[in-house]
Protein backbone atom coordinates (compact mmCIF):
# COMPACT_ATOMS: atom_id res chain seq x y z
CA GLN A 1 24.11 10.76 1.58
CA PRO A 2 21.86 8.16 3.30
CA THR A 3 23.39 4.78 4.07
CA THR A 4 21.81 1.56 2.73
CA SER A 5 23.30 -1.08 5.06
CA PRO A 6 20.79 -3.28 6.95
CA VAL A 7 19.03 -1.42 9.74
CA THR A 8 18.23 -2.88 13.16
CA GLY A 9 17.01 -1.60 16.51
CA ILE A 10 15.07 1.27 14.94
CA THR A 11 11.45 2.37 15.33
CA ILE A 12 9.65 4.21 12.55
CA PRO A 13 7.09 6.45 14.26
CA GLU A 14 3.34 6.28 13.78
CA GLY A 15 2.25 8.78 11.12
CA THR A 16 5.38 8.32 8.98
CA LYS A 17 4.23 8.50 5.35
CA LEU A 18 5.13 5.93 2.74
CA MET A 19 4.93 7.06 -0.88
CA VAL A 20 3.62 3.98 -2.71
CA ASN A 21 3.51 3.55 -6.49
CA MET A 22 0.64 1.32 -7.60
CA ASN A 23 2.83 -0.11 -10.38
CA THR A 24 0.22 -2.77 -11.15
CA PRO A 25 -3.39 -1.74 -11.73
CA ILE A 26 -6.04 -3.05 -9.33
CA SER A 27 -9.76 -3.08 -10.09
CA THR A 28 -13.13 -4.44 -9.03
CA ALA A 29 -13.13 -6.42 -12.30
CA LYS A 30 -9.87 -8.27 -11.62
CA ASN A 31 -9.23 -8.16 -7.87
CA PRO A 32 -11.80 -9.98 -5.70
CA LYS A 33 -12.16 -9.43 -1.95
CA GLY A 34 -9.37 -11.23 -0.10
CA SER A 35 -6.89 -11.17 -3.00
CA THR A 36 -3.43 -9.61 -2.64
CA PHE A 37 -1.38 -7.27 -4.79
CA THR A 38 2.14 -5.85 -4.87
CA SER A 39 3.19 -2.22 -5.28
CA ILE A 40 6.55 -0.48 -4.88
CA LEU A 41 7.95 2.40 -2.85
CA GLU A 42 8.05 5.59 -4.94
CA ALA A 43 10.72 7.14 -2.68
CA ASP A 44 13.24 5.87 -0.13
CA LEU A 45 11.83 5.42 3.37
CA VAL A 46 14.43 7.36 5.37
CA LEU A 47 14.73 7.86 9.14
CA ASP A 48 17.60 9.77 10.80
CA GLY A 49 19.62 9.71 7.57
CA LYS A 50 19.32 5.92 7.17
CA VAL A 51 17.46 4.30 4.31
CA ILE A 52 15.07 1.86 5.99
CA SER A 53 13.60 0.62 2.72
CA PRO A 54 14.89 1.90 -0.65
CA LYS A 55 12.80 3.19 -3.56
CA GLY A 56 11.46 0.25 -5.57
CA SER A 57 11.04 -2.03 -2.51
CA HIS A 58 7.88 -4.13 -2.55
CA VAL A 59 4.87 -2.96 -0.57
CA ASN A 60 2.18 -5.65 -0.37
CA GLY A 61 -1.50 -5.11 0.13
CA LYS A 62 -4.82 -6.89 0.20
CA ILE A 63 -8.28 -6.20 -1.17
CA ILE A 64 -10.74 -5.73 1.70
CA ASP A 65 -13.84 -5.12 -0.43
CA SER A 66 -14.46 -5.24 -4.17
CA GLN A 67 -17.89 -4.71 -5.68
CA ASP A 68 -19.19 -3.53 -9.03
CA GLY A 69 -21.96 -0.97 -9.51
CA LYS A 70 -24.85 -3.36 -8.93
CA GLY A 71 -24.22 -3.57 -5.15
CA ALA A 72 -25.72 -1.19 -2.59
CA GLY A 73 -23.90 2.15 -2.71
CA GLY A 74 -22.37 1.57 -6.14
CA ALA A 75 -18.98 0.30 -7.23
CA LYS A 76 -16.22 0.45 -4.65
CA LEU A 77 -12.77 -0.92 -4.09
CA THR A 78 -11.28 -0.95 -0.59
CA PHE A 79 -7.66 -1.98 -0.10
CA GLN A 80 -5.00 -1.81 2.58
CA PHE A 81 -1.21 -1.97 2.55
CA THR A 82 -0.07 -4.75 4.89
CA GLU A 83 3.67 -5.41 4.39
CA ILE A 84 6.88 -3.72 3.32
CA MET A 85 10.29 -5.17 2.46
CA VAL A 86 12.96 -4.17 5.00
CA ASN A 87 16.42 -5.79 5.02
CA ASN A 88 15.15 -8.22 2.32
CA GLN A 89 12.47 -9.47 4.73
CA VAL A 90 8.71 -9.05 4.51
CA THR A 91 7.74 -6.82 7.46
CA PRO A 92 4.10 -6.31 8.56
CA ILE A 93 2.80 -2.72 8.66
CA VAL A 94 -0.46 -1.24 9.93
CA ALA A 95 -2.13 1.35 7.68
CA ASP A 96 -5.71 2.57 7.27
CA PRO A 97 -7.81 1.06 4.48
CA ILE A 98 -8.21 3.18 1.34
CA GLU A 99 -11.64 3.24 -0.32
CA VAL A 100 -12.24 4.34 -3.91
CA LYS A 101 -15.83 4.72 -5.09
CA GLY A 102 -17.20 4.44 -8.60
CA GLY A 103 -20.53 4.70 -10.39
CA LYS A 104 -23.84 3.09 -9.47
CA LYS A 105 -24.65 1.46 -12.81
CA ARG A 106 -24.63 -2.32 -12.94
CA ASN A 107 -21.52 -2.59 -15.12
CA ASP A 108 -19.57 0.18 -13.39
CA GLN A 109 -16.15 -0.81 -12.10
CA VAL A 110 -13.43 0.91 -10.08
CA GLU A 111 -9.86 0.79 -11.35
CA ILE A 112 -6.71 2.28 -9.89
CA PRO A 113 -4.37 2.62 -12.87
CA ALA A 114 -0.72 1.58 -12.82
CA GLY A 115 1.49 4.51 -11.83
CA THR A 116 -0.99 5.97 -9.30
CA ILE A 117 0.88 7.34 -6.26
CA LYS A 118 -0.69 6.86 -2.82
CA GLU A 119 0.53 8.53 0.37
CA VAL A 120 0.18 5.93 3.11
CA PRO A 121 0.63 7.04 6.74
CA LEU A 122 1.63 4.32 9.19
CA LYS A 123 -1.15 3.85 11.74
CA GLN A 124 1.17 2.14 14.18
CA ALA A 125 4.91 2.52 14.85
CA LEU A 126 7.07 -0.03 13.02
CA THR A 127 9.98 -1.54 14.96
CA ILE A 128 12.84 -3.13 13.02
CA LYS A 129 14.56 -5.59 15.35
């Protein structure tokens, strides 16, 4: 049974995977470059039997690129997870950008529907002080 008391002095290693639920849809139609969005953890983030961040914790991200089908290369949406809630505090994380491509017609859009699960490996170790 993992404990859920606040965690300190712990380092979550690079490569640890977060299971993130895109509980709000994001799309090229509604999310311009530079905008932010909020998702939630699909499963507890656990290390050494301790819950670092419980299921349902917020995971924040930002839109890096958002273009419809009329741009070069077609519609694409590039986003990156940037923060996770740990001990009720927003904690920065480093993860690779995720790119989703769509069609090349002028009105084509890319949408990631609510409920989509993304596996997000940490690109850099995360230290909880």
